[in-house]
N, C-alpha and C. Protein backbone atom coordinates (compact mmCIF):
# COMPACT_ATOMS: atom_id res chain seq x y z
N MET A 1 76.05 15.72 98.69
CA MET A 1 75.40 16.16 99.87
C MET A 1 75.54 15.17 101.00
N PRO A 2 75.80 15.73 102.10
CA PRO A 2 75.87 14.76 103.32
C PRO A 2 74.60 14.01 103.48
N GLU A 3 74.86 12.75 103.66
CA GLU A 3 73.69 11.78 103.68
C GLU A 3 72.78 12.01 104.91
N GLU A 4 73.37 12.45 105.99
CA GLU A 4 72.57 12.69 107.25
C GLU A 4 71.55 13.94 106.93
N ALA A 5 72.08 14.98 106.26
CA ALA A 5 71.28 16.13 105.99
C ALA A 5 70.17 15.81 105.04
N LYS A 6 70.53 14.98 104.02
CA LYS A 6 69.53 14.55 102.98
C LYS A 6 68.47 13.74 103.68
N LYS A 7 68.85 12.83 104.61
CA LYS A 7 67.93 11.91 105.32
C LYS A 7 66.94 12.82 106.16
N LYS A 8 67.49 13.83 106.84
CA LYS A 8 66.79 14.66 107.71
C LYS A 8 65.63 15.45 106.90
N LEU A 9 66.06 16.01 105.78
CA LEU A 9 65.11 16.60 104.85
C LEU A 9 64.13 15.66 104.34
N GLU A 10 64.45 14.53 103.92
CA GLU A 10 63.50 13.62 103.37
C GLU A 10 62.48 13.16 104.37
N GLU A 11 62.86 13.00 105.65
CA GLU A 11 61.90 12.59 106.76
C GLU A 11 60.95 13.64 107.00
N GLU A 12 61.50 14.92 107.04
CA GLU A 12 60.57 16.03 107.34
C GLU A 12 59.54 16.19 106.21
N ILE A 13 60.02 15.99 104.79
CA ILE A 13 59.15 16.06 103.82
C ILE A 13 58.04 15.00 103.77
N GLN A 14 58.50 13.74 104.20
CA GLN A 14 57.53 12.63 104.31
C GLN A 14 56.52 12.92 105.41
N ARG A 15 56.90 13.51 106.54
CA ARG A 15 56.02 13.92 107.65
C ARG A 15 55.01 14.85 107.14
N ILE A 16 55.45 15.86 106.59
CA ILE A 16 54.51 16.92 106.07
C ILE A 16 53.60 16.43 105.03
N GLU A 17 54.00 15.57 104.09
CA GLU A 17 53.25 15.03 103.03
C GLU A 17 52.06 14.10 103.66
N TYR A 18 52.52 13.40 104.63
CA TYR A 18 51.56 12.56 105.36
C TYR A 18 50.36 13.34 105.92
N GLU A 19 50.86 14.44 106.65
CA GLU A 19 49.87 15.27 107.34
C GLU A 19 49.05 15.92 106.30
N LEU A 20 49.59 16.43 105.19
CA LEU A 20 48.72 17.12 104.20
C LEU A 20 47.77 16.20 103.48
N HIS A 21 48.14 14.96 103.25
CA HIS A 21 47.36 13.93 102.50
C HIS A 21 46.46 12.98 103.33
N ASN A 22 46.71 12.94 104.64
CA ASN A 22 46.01 12.00 105.43
C ASN A 22 45.24 12.60 106.66
N GLU A 23 45.99 13.49 107.49
CA GLU A 23 45.34 14.10 108.69
C GLU A 23 44.60 15.33 108.29
N LEU A 24 45.04 16.19 107.58
CA LEU A 24 44.35 17.50 107.42
C LEU A 24 43.03 17.12 106.61
N PRO A 25 42.96 16.38 105.54
CA PRO A 25 41.74 16.04 104.97
C PRO A 25 40.61 15.59 105.95
N LYS A 26 41.07 14.79 106.98
CA LYS A 26 39.98 14.25 107.91
C LYS A 26 39.55 15.43 108.69
N GLU A 27 40.50 16.31 109.22
CA GLU A 27 40.06 17.51 109.96
C GLU A 27 39.15 18.44 109.21
N LEU A 28 39.46 18.60 107.97
CA LEU A 28 38.67 19.44 107.10
C LEU A 28 37.20 18.92 106.94
N LYS A 29 37.33 17.56 106.76
CA LYS A 29 35.93 16.91 106.53
C LYS A 29 35.14 17.02 107.77
N THR A 30 35.72 16.84 108.94
CA THR A 30 34.91 16.96 110.23
C THR A 30 34.49 18.34 110.36
N ALA A 31 35.38 19.35 110.19
CA ALA A 31 34.89 20.76 110.36
C ALA A 31 33.85 21.10 109.27
N ILE A 32 33.88 20.71 108.11
CA ILE A 32 32.83 20.92 107.03
C ILE A 32 31.46 20.41 107.62
N ALA A 33 31.60 19.16 108.20
CA ALA A 33 30.36 18.55 108.66
C ALA A 33 29.66 19.38 109.78
N MET A 34 30.49 20.26 110.40
CA MET A 34 29.77 21.07 111.58
C MET A 34 28.92 22.13 110.98
N GLY A 35 29.02 22.45 109.73
CA GLY A 35 28.12 23.39 109.12
C GLY A 35 28.80 24.78 108.79
N ASP A 36 28.03 25.84 108.88
CA ASP A 36 28.43 27.18 108.60
C ASP A 36 29.98 27.42 108.67
N LEU A 37 30.54 27.46 107.46
CA LEU A 37 32.05 27.70 107.40
C LEU A 37 32.44 29.03 107.66
N SER A 38 31.62 30.01 107.57
CA SER A 38 32.10 31.43 107.74
C SER A 38 32.43 31.62 109.32
N GLU A 39 31.92 30.89 110.26
CA GLU A 39 32.14 31.06 111.68
C GLU A 39 32.72 29.74 112.26
N ASN A 40 33.36 28.97 111.34
CA ASN A 40 33.84 27.58 111.79
C ASN A 40 35.34 27.81 112.09
N ALA A 41 35.69 27.98 113.32
CA ALA A 41 37.14 28.07 113.67
C ALA A 41 37.96 26.88 113.34
N GLU A 42 37.39 25.65 113.51
CA GLU A 42 38.23 24.49 113.27
C GLU A 42 38.50 24.36 111.68
N TYR A 43 37.55 24.80 110.88
CA TYR A 43 37.83 24.83 109.41
C TYR A 43 38.92 25.79 109.06
N HIS A 44 38.83 27.03 109.63
CA HIS A 44 39.81 28.01 109.25
C HIS A 44 41.20 27.66 109.71
N MET A 45 41.26 27.06 110.96
CA MET A 45 42.61 26.68 111.45
C MET A 45 43.12 25.56 110.48
N ALA A 46 42.38 24.57 110.14
CA ALA A 46 42.83 23.55 109.36
C ALA A 46 43.24 24.05 108.05
N LYS A 47 42.49 24.98 107.36
CA LYS A 47 42.93 25.62 106.13
C LYS A 47 44.31 26.37 106.23
N GLN A 48 44.37 27.03 107.34
CA GLN A 48 45.63 27.81 107.62
C GLN A 48 46.74 27.03 107.78
N ARG A 49 46.67 25.84 108.54
CA ARG A 49 47.59 24.70 108.75
C ARG A 49 48.06 24.23 107.36
N GLN A 50 47.12 23.97 106.56
CA GLN A 50 47.33 23.40 105.25
C GLN A 50 48.20 24.33 104.38
N GLU A 51 48.01 25.70 104.44
CA GLU A 51 48.80 26.62 103.70
C GLU A 51 50.15 26.68 104.20
N ILE A 52 50.32 26.70 105.59
CA ILE A 52 51.67 26.74 106.13
C ILE A 52 52.39 25.48 105.73
N LEU A 53 51.76 24.31 105.76
CA LEU A 53 52.44 23.05 105.41
C LEU A 53 52.93 22.95 103.94
N ARG A 54 52.04 23.51 103.08
CA ARG A 54 52.39 23.57 101.68
C ARG A 54 53.57 24.43 101.44
N ALA A 55 53.68 25.57 102.12
CA ALA A 55 54.80 26.46 101.87
C ALA A 55 56.02 25.73 102.45
N ARG A 56 55.84 25.14 103.65
CA ARG A 56 57.15 24.49 104.25
C ARG A 56 57.63 23.33 103.26
N LEU A 57 56.58 22.63 102.77
CA LEU A 57 56.97 21.55 101.84
C LEU A 57 57.71 22.04 100.64
N GLU A 58 57.27 23.10 100.10
CA GLU A 58 57.89 23.65 99.00
C GLU A 58 59.22 24.12 99.28
N GLN A 59 59.58 24.76 100.42
CA GLN A 59 60.75 25.26 100.93
C GLN A 59 61.69 24.11 101.12
N LEU A 60 61.33 22.94 101.74
CA LEU A 60 62.07 21.83 101.98
C LEU A 60 62.58 21.09 100.66
N GLN A 61 61.61 21.01 99.77
CA GLN A 61 61.96 20.35 98.41
C GLN A 61 62.93 21.22 97.69
N LYS A 62 62.77 22.64 97.68
CA LYS A 62 63.78 23.45 97.10
C LYS A 62 65.17 23.21 97.77
N ARG A 63 65.21 23.14 99.02
CA ARG A 63 66.47 23.00 99.85
C ARG A 63 67.22 21.64 99.44
N LEU A 64 66.31 20.60 99.38
CA LEU A 64 66.85 19.31 98.95
C LEU A 64 67.43 19.31 97.58
N HIS A 65 66.77 19.96 96.67
CA HIS A 65 67.23 20.14 95.26
C HIS A 65 68.56 20.93 95.24
N ASP A 66 68.66 22.00 95.95
CA ASP A 66 69.83 22.88 96.06
C ASP A 66 71.03 22.14 96.60
N LEU A 67 70.72 21.28 97.60
CA LEU A 67 71.95 20.63 98.21
C LEU A 67 72.33 19.40 97.24
N ALA A 68 71.38 18.85 96.61
CA ALA A 68 71.86 17.82 95.51
C ALA A 68 72.71 18.40 94.45
N MET A 69 72.66 19.66 94.23
CA MET A 69 73.32 20.22 93.07
C MET A 69 74.82 20.70 93.57
N VAL A 70 75.10 20.56 94.83
CA VAL A 70 76.42 21.02 95.39
C VAL A 70 77.46 20.01 94.72
N ASP A 71 78.56 20.58 94.05
CA ASP A 71 79.56 19.89 93.44
C ASP A 71 80.71 19.73 94.47
N LEU A 72 80.73 18.59 95.20
CA LEU A 72 81.88 18.43 96.16
C LEU A 72 83.29 18.33 95.56
N SER A 73 83.38 17.99 94.29
CA SER A 73 84.64 18.12 93.68
C SER A 73 85.39 19.49 93.59
N ARG A 74 84.46 20.54 93.71
CA ARG A 74 84.98 21.97 93.65
C ARG A 74 85.47 22.51 94.99
N ILE A 75 85.44 21.71 96.03
CA ILE A 75 85.80 22.04 97.35
C ILE A 75 87.41 22.08 97.34
N PRO A 76 87.98 23.15 97.75
CA PRO A 76 89.44 23.38 97.76
C PRO A 76 90.13 22.43 98.75
N ARG A 77 91.37 22.03 98.48
CA ARG A 77 92.06 21.10 99.30
C ARG A 77 92.90 21.81 100.35
N ASP A 78 93.12 23.10 100.15
CA ASP A 78 94.07 23.79 101.08
C ASP A 78 93.47 24.94 101.74
N ARG A 79 92.12 25.12 101.70
CA ARG A 79 91.47 26.20 102.31
C ARG A 79 90.24 25.71 103.07
N ILE A 80 89.68 26.55 104.01
CA ILE A 80 88.49 26.14 104.75
C ILE A 80 87.33 26.13 103.84
N ALA A 81 86.56 25.14 103.86
CA ALA A 81 85.26 24.97 103.06
C ALA A 81 84.34 24.04 103.60
N PHE A 82 83.31 23.73 102.98
CA PHE A 82 82.31 22.85 103.54
C PHE A 82 83.03 21.49 103.93
N GLY A 83 82.76 20.99 105.08
CA GLY A 83 83.31 19.69 105.55
C GLY A 83 84.64 19.76 106.28
N SER A 84 85.22 21.13 106.27
CA SER A 84 86.50 21.14 106.95
C SER A 84 86.36 21.13 108.37
N ARG A 85 87.39 20.54 109.16
CA ARG A 85 87.48 20.61 110.56
C ARG A 85 88.63 21.66 110.85
N VAL A 86 88.27 22.61 111.74
CA VAL A 86 89.28 23.58 112.02
C VAL A 86 89.52 23.70 113.53
N VAL A 87 90.78 24.13 113.87
CA VAL A 87 91.13 24.49 115.24
C VAL A 87 91.41 25.97 115.15
N LEU A 88 90.80 26.76 115.92
CA LEU A 88 90.91 28.23 115.89
C LEU A 88 91.40 28.64 117.20
N TYR A 89 92.06 29.75 117.32
CA TYR A 89 92.44 30.42 118.57
C TYR A 89 91.66 31.67 118.70
N ASP A 90 90.81 31.77 119.73
CA ASP A 90 89.97 32.91 119.97
C ASP A 90 90.91 33.97 120.68
N LEU A 91 91.15 34.97 119.97
CA LEU A 91 92.11 36.00 120.40
C LEU A 91 91.58 36.80 121.62
N GLN A 92 90.27 36.95 121.74
CA GLN A 92 89.62 37.65 122.87
C GLN A 92 89.56 36.74 124.07
N LYS A 93 89.29 35.51 123.88
CA LYS A 93 89.12 34.54 125.08
C LYS A 93 90.47 33.77 125.41
N GLU A 94 91.38 33.93 124.47
CA GLU A 94 92.65 33.19 124.61
C GLU A 94 92.42 31.74 124.82
N ALA A 95 91.58 31.23 123.94
CA ALA A 95 91.26 29.65 123.95
C ALA A 95 91.05 29.04 122.62
N GLU A 96 91.35 27.84 122.63
CA GLU A 96 91.29 27.15 121.35
C GLU A 96 89.79 26.66 121.15
N ILE A 97 89.31 26.67 119.97
CA ILE A 97 87.96 26.23 119.63
C ILE A 97 88.05 25.39 118.41
N LYS A 98 87.30 24.33 118.45
CA LYS A 98 87.20 23.36 117.35
C LYS A 98 85.88 23.36 116.57
N TYR A 99 85.84 23.52 115.32
CA TYR A 99 84.62 23.44 114.62
C TYR A 99 84.73 22.62 113.34
N LYS A 100 83.55 22.15 113.00
CA LYS A 100 83.41 21.49 111.62
C LYS A 100 82.39 22.28 110.83
N LEU A 101 82.65 22.67 109.61
CA LEU A 101 81.77 23.40 108.81
C LEU A 101 80.84 22.41 108.06
N VAL A 102 79.46 22.61 108.30
CA VAL A 102 78.48 21.64 107.81
C VAL A 102 77.38 22.46 107.23
N SER A 103 76.31 21.78 106.59
CA SER A 103 75.10 22.45 106.09
C SER A 103 74.32 23.05 107.21
N SER A 104 73.40 23.84 106.95
CA SER A 104 72.48 24.37 108.06
C SER A 104 71.60 23.38 108.61
N GLU A 105 71.33 22.36 107.87
CA GLU A 105 70.55 21.21 108.52
C GLU A 105 71.29 20.38 109.56
N GLU A 106 72.58 20.38 109.48
CA GLU A 106 73.38 19.66 110.36
C GLU A 106 73.98 20.46 111.58
N SER A 107 73.82 21.72 111.48
CA SER A 107 74.48 22.53 112.42
C SER A 107 73.97 22.25 113.90
N ASP A 108 74.97 22.25 114.79
CA ASP A 108 74.65 22.09 116.24
C ASP A 108 75.91 22.67 116.87
N VAL A 109 75.80 23.98 117.22
CA VAL A 109 77.01 24.66 117.78
C VAL A 109 77.50 23.92 119.10
N GLY A 110 76.61 23.31 119.90
CA GLY A 110 77.04 22.57 121.13
C GLY A 110 78.02 21.48 120.74
N LYS A 111 77.83 20.93 119.66
CA LYS A 111 78.73 19.83 119.14
C LYS A 111 79.86 20.26 118.36
N GLY A 112 79.97 21.61 118.14
CA GLY A 112 81.02 22.08 117.33
C GLY A 112 80.77 22.06 115.83
N LEU A 113 79.45 21.94 115.46
CA LEU A 113 79.11 21.85 114.01
C LEU A 113 78.56 23.07 113.74
N ILE A 114 79.13 23.94 112.86
CA ILE A 114 78.71 25.26 112.48
C ILE A 114 78.36 25.29 110.90
N SER A 115 77.36 25.96 110.66
CA SER A 115 76.88 26.11 109.29
C SER A 115 77.80 26.93 108.48
N THR A 116 78.02 26.57 107.17
CA THR A 116 78.81 27.45 106.37
C THR A 116 78.07 28.74 106.01
N THR A 117 76.77 28.91 106.48
CA THR A 117 76.07 30.16 106.24
C THR A 117 76.03 30.99 107.46
N SER A 118 76.49 30.45 108.53
CA SER A 118 76.53 31.23 109.83
C SER A 118 77.56 32.42 109.65
N PRO A 119 77.51 33.35 110.52
CA PRO A 119 78.52 34.39 110.46
C PRO A 119 79.92 33.89 110.65
N ILE A 120 80.19 33.01 111.53
CA ILE A 120 81.52 32.42 111.79
C ILE A 120 81.91 31.56 110.48
N GLY A 121 81.05 30.76 110.12
CA GLY A 121 81.13 29.89 108.96
C GLY A 121 81.62 30.66 107.65
N ARG A 122 80.75 31.72 107.44
CA ARG A 122 81.03 32.50 106.27
C ARG A 122 82.39 33.22 106.43
N GLY A 123 82.76 33.80 107.48
CA GLY A 123 83.96 34.37 107.78
C GLY A 123 85.15 33.45 107.55
N LEU A 124 85.08 32.16 107.85
CA LEU A 124 86.22 31.18 107.78
C LEU A 124 86.33 30.69 106.33
N MET A 125 85.35 30.73 105.50
CA MET A 125 85.37 30.14 104.22
C MET A 125 86.58 30.82 103.40
N GLY A 126 87.43 29.87 102.87
CA GLY A 126 88.51 30.33 102.03
C GLY A 126 89.84 30.61 102.82
N LYS A 127 89.77 30.58 104.15
CA LYS A 127 90.91 30.93 104.94
C LYS A 127 91.88 29.73 105.03
N GLN A 128 93.13 30.02 105.28
CA GLN A 128 94.19 28.99 105.53
C GLN A 128 94.84 29.11 106.88
N VAL A 129 95.60 28.11 107.24
CA VAL A 129 96.26 28.04 108.47
C VAL A 129 97.20 29.33 108.62
N GLY A 130 97.09 30.03 109.65
CA GLY A 130 97.89 31.20 109.80
C GLY A 130 97.11 32.43 109.73
N ASP A 131 96.04 32.30 108.98
CA ASP A 131 95.18 33.53 108.78
C ASP A 131 94.48 33.96 109.97
N VAL A 132 94.33 35.30 110.21
CA VAL A 132 93.62 35.82 111.36
C VAL A 132 92.29 36.45 110.64
N VAL A 133 91.27 35.95 111.28
CA VAL A 133 89.83 36.27 110.73
C VAL A 133 89.06 37.16 111.70
N LYS A 134 88.48 38.26 111.25
CA LYS A 134 87.67 39.05 112.07
C LYS A 134 86.11 38.76 111.56
N VAL A 135 85.38 38.36 112.57
CA VAL A 135 84.00 37.94 112.19
C VAL A 135 82.90 38.87 112.82
N GLN A 136 82.01 39.48 112.24
CA GLN A 136 80.95 40.20 112.90
C GLN A 136 79.81 39.26 113.22
N THR A 137 79.54 39.00 114.51
CA THR A 137 78.49 38.01 115.00
C THR A 137 77.51 38.91 115.77
N PRO A 138 76.35 38.31 116.07
CA PRO A 138 75.37 39.10 116.81
C PRO A 138 75.94 39.47 118.16
N ALA A 139 76.86 38.73 118.74
CA ALA A 139 77.48 39.07 120.07
C ALA A 139 78.61 40.18 119.90
N GLY A 140 78.83 40.65 118.68
CA GLY A 140 79.99 41.64 118.41
C GLY A 140 81.08 40.88 117.57
N VAL A 141 82.12 41.67 117.42
CA VAL A 141 83.26 41.15 116.38
C VAL A 141 84.12 40.14 117.30
N LYS A 142 84.37 39.10 116.55
CA LYS A 142 85.22 37.97 117.15
C LYS A 142 86.44 37.94 116.24
N GLU A 143 87.50 37.60 116.85
CA GLU A 143 88.79 37.50 116.09
C GLU A 143 89.34 36.17 116.39
N PHE A 144 89.67 35.40 115.32
CA PHE A 144 90.33 34.03 115.39
C PHE A 144 91.53 33.96 114.64
N GLU A 145 92.48 33.02 115.05
CA GLU A 145 93.65 32.71 114.24
C GLU A 145 93.44 31.21 113.89
N VAL A 146 93.50 30.93 112.60
CA VAL A 146 93.39 29.55 112.19
C VAL A 146 94.62 28.82 112.45
N LEU A 147 94.57 27.80 113.33
CA LEU A 147 95.69 27.04 113.92
C LEU A 147 95.89 25.61 113.07
N LYS A 148 94.72 25.02 112.73
CA LYS A 148 94.87 23.79 112.13
C LYS A 148 93.69 23.59 111.15
N LEU A 149 93.89 22.87 110.04
CA LEU A 149 92.85 22.66 109.05
C LEU A 149 92.88 21.23 108.53
N ASN A 150 91.74 20.55 108.57
CA ASN A 150 91.56 19.25 107.94
C ASN A 150 90.43 19.39 106.91
N THR A 151 90.55 19.16 105.74
CA THR A 151 89.56 19.35 104.61
C THR A 151 88.90 18.03 104.50
N ILE A 152 87.83 17.95 103.79
CA ILE A 152 87.07 16.61 103.55
C ILE A 152 88.04 15.66 102.90
N TYR A 153 89.07 16.04 102.25
CA TYR A 153 90.01 15.20 101.66
C TYR A 153 90.94 14.41 102.67
N ASP A 154 91.17 15.17 103.78
CA ASP A 154 91.96 14.68 104.75
C ASP A 154 91.31 13.54 105.61
N GLU A 155 90.07 13.44 105.58
CA GLU A 155 89.44 12.48 106.40
C GLU A 155 89.15 11.13 105.78
């Protein structure tokens, strides 16, 4: 798993755990001290926040576990896969585009980092230099030719 993605997930997990175990109990205690819980908006909001944070924490812990199970040795050496840097030719715009395929936690389209789970990322997976790829995106069908490929083994 890319260390930056792992670090990002771990930091968010720590932030949520801190809020769940330190800040929310104080808010709940203060709200309970106000009396009548049936009409206590502060209490209900704190309980709702607690449920949301617990669900998010569970989601992040599952994602961290899933990413840890990725077997980087199974990444192909001659095809686009996780960690690949590609140069594409956008056939509609007649322009070159550079992307690196990363995890969803690392994606930043402005920096050319696209997720392997994005429409373009999924469309590129397994392709080789010379392949023409048609990808259905929210903005419509895009067509690319793969001009250059560097896998994680090339870096």
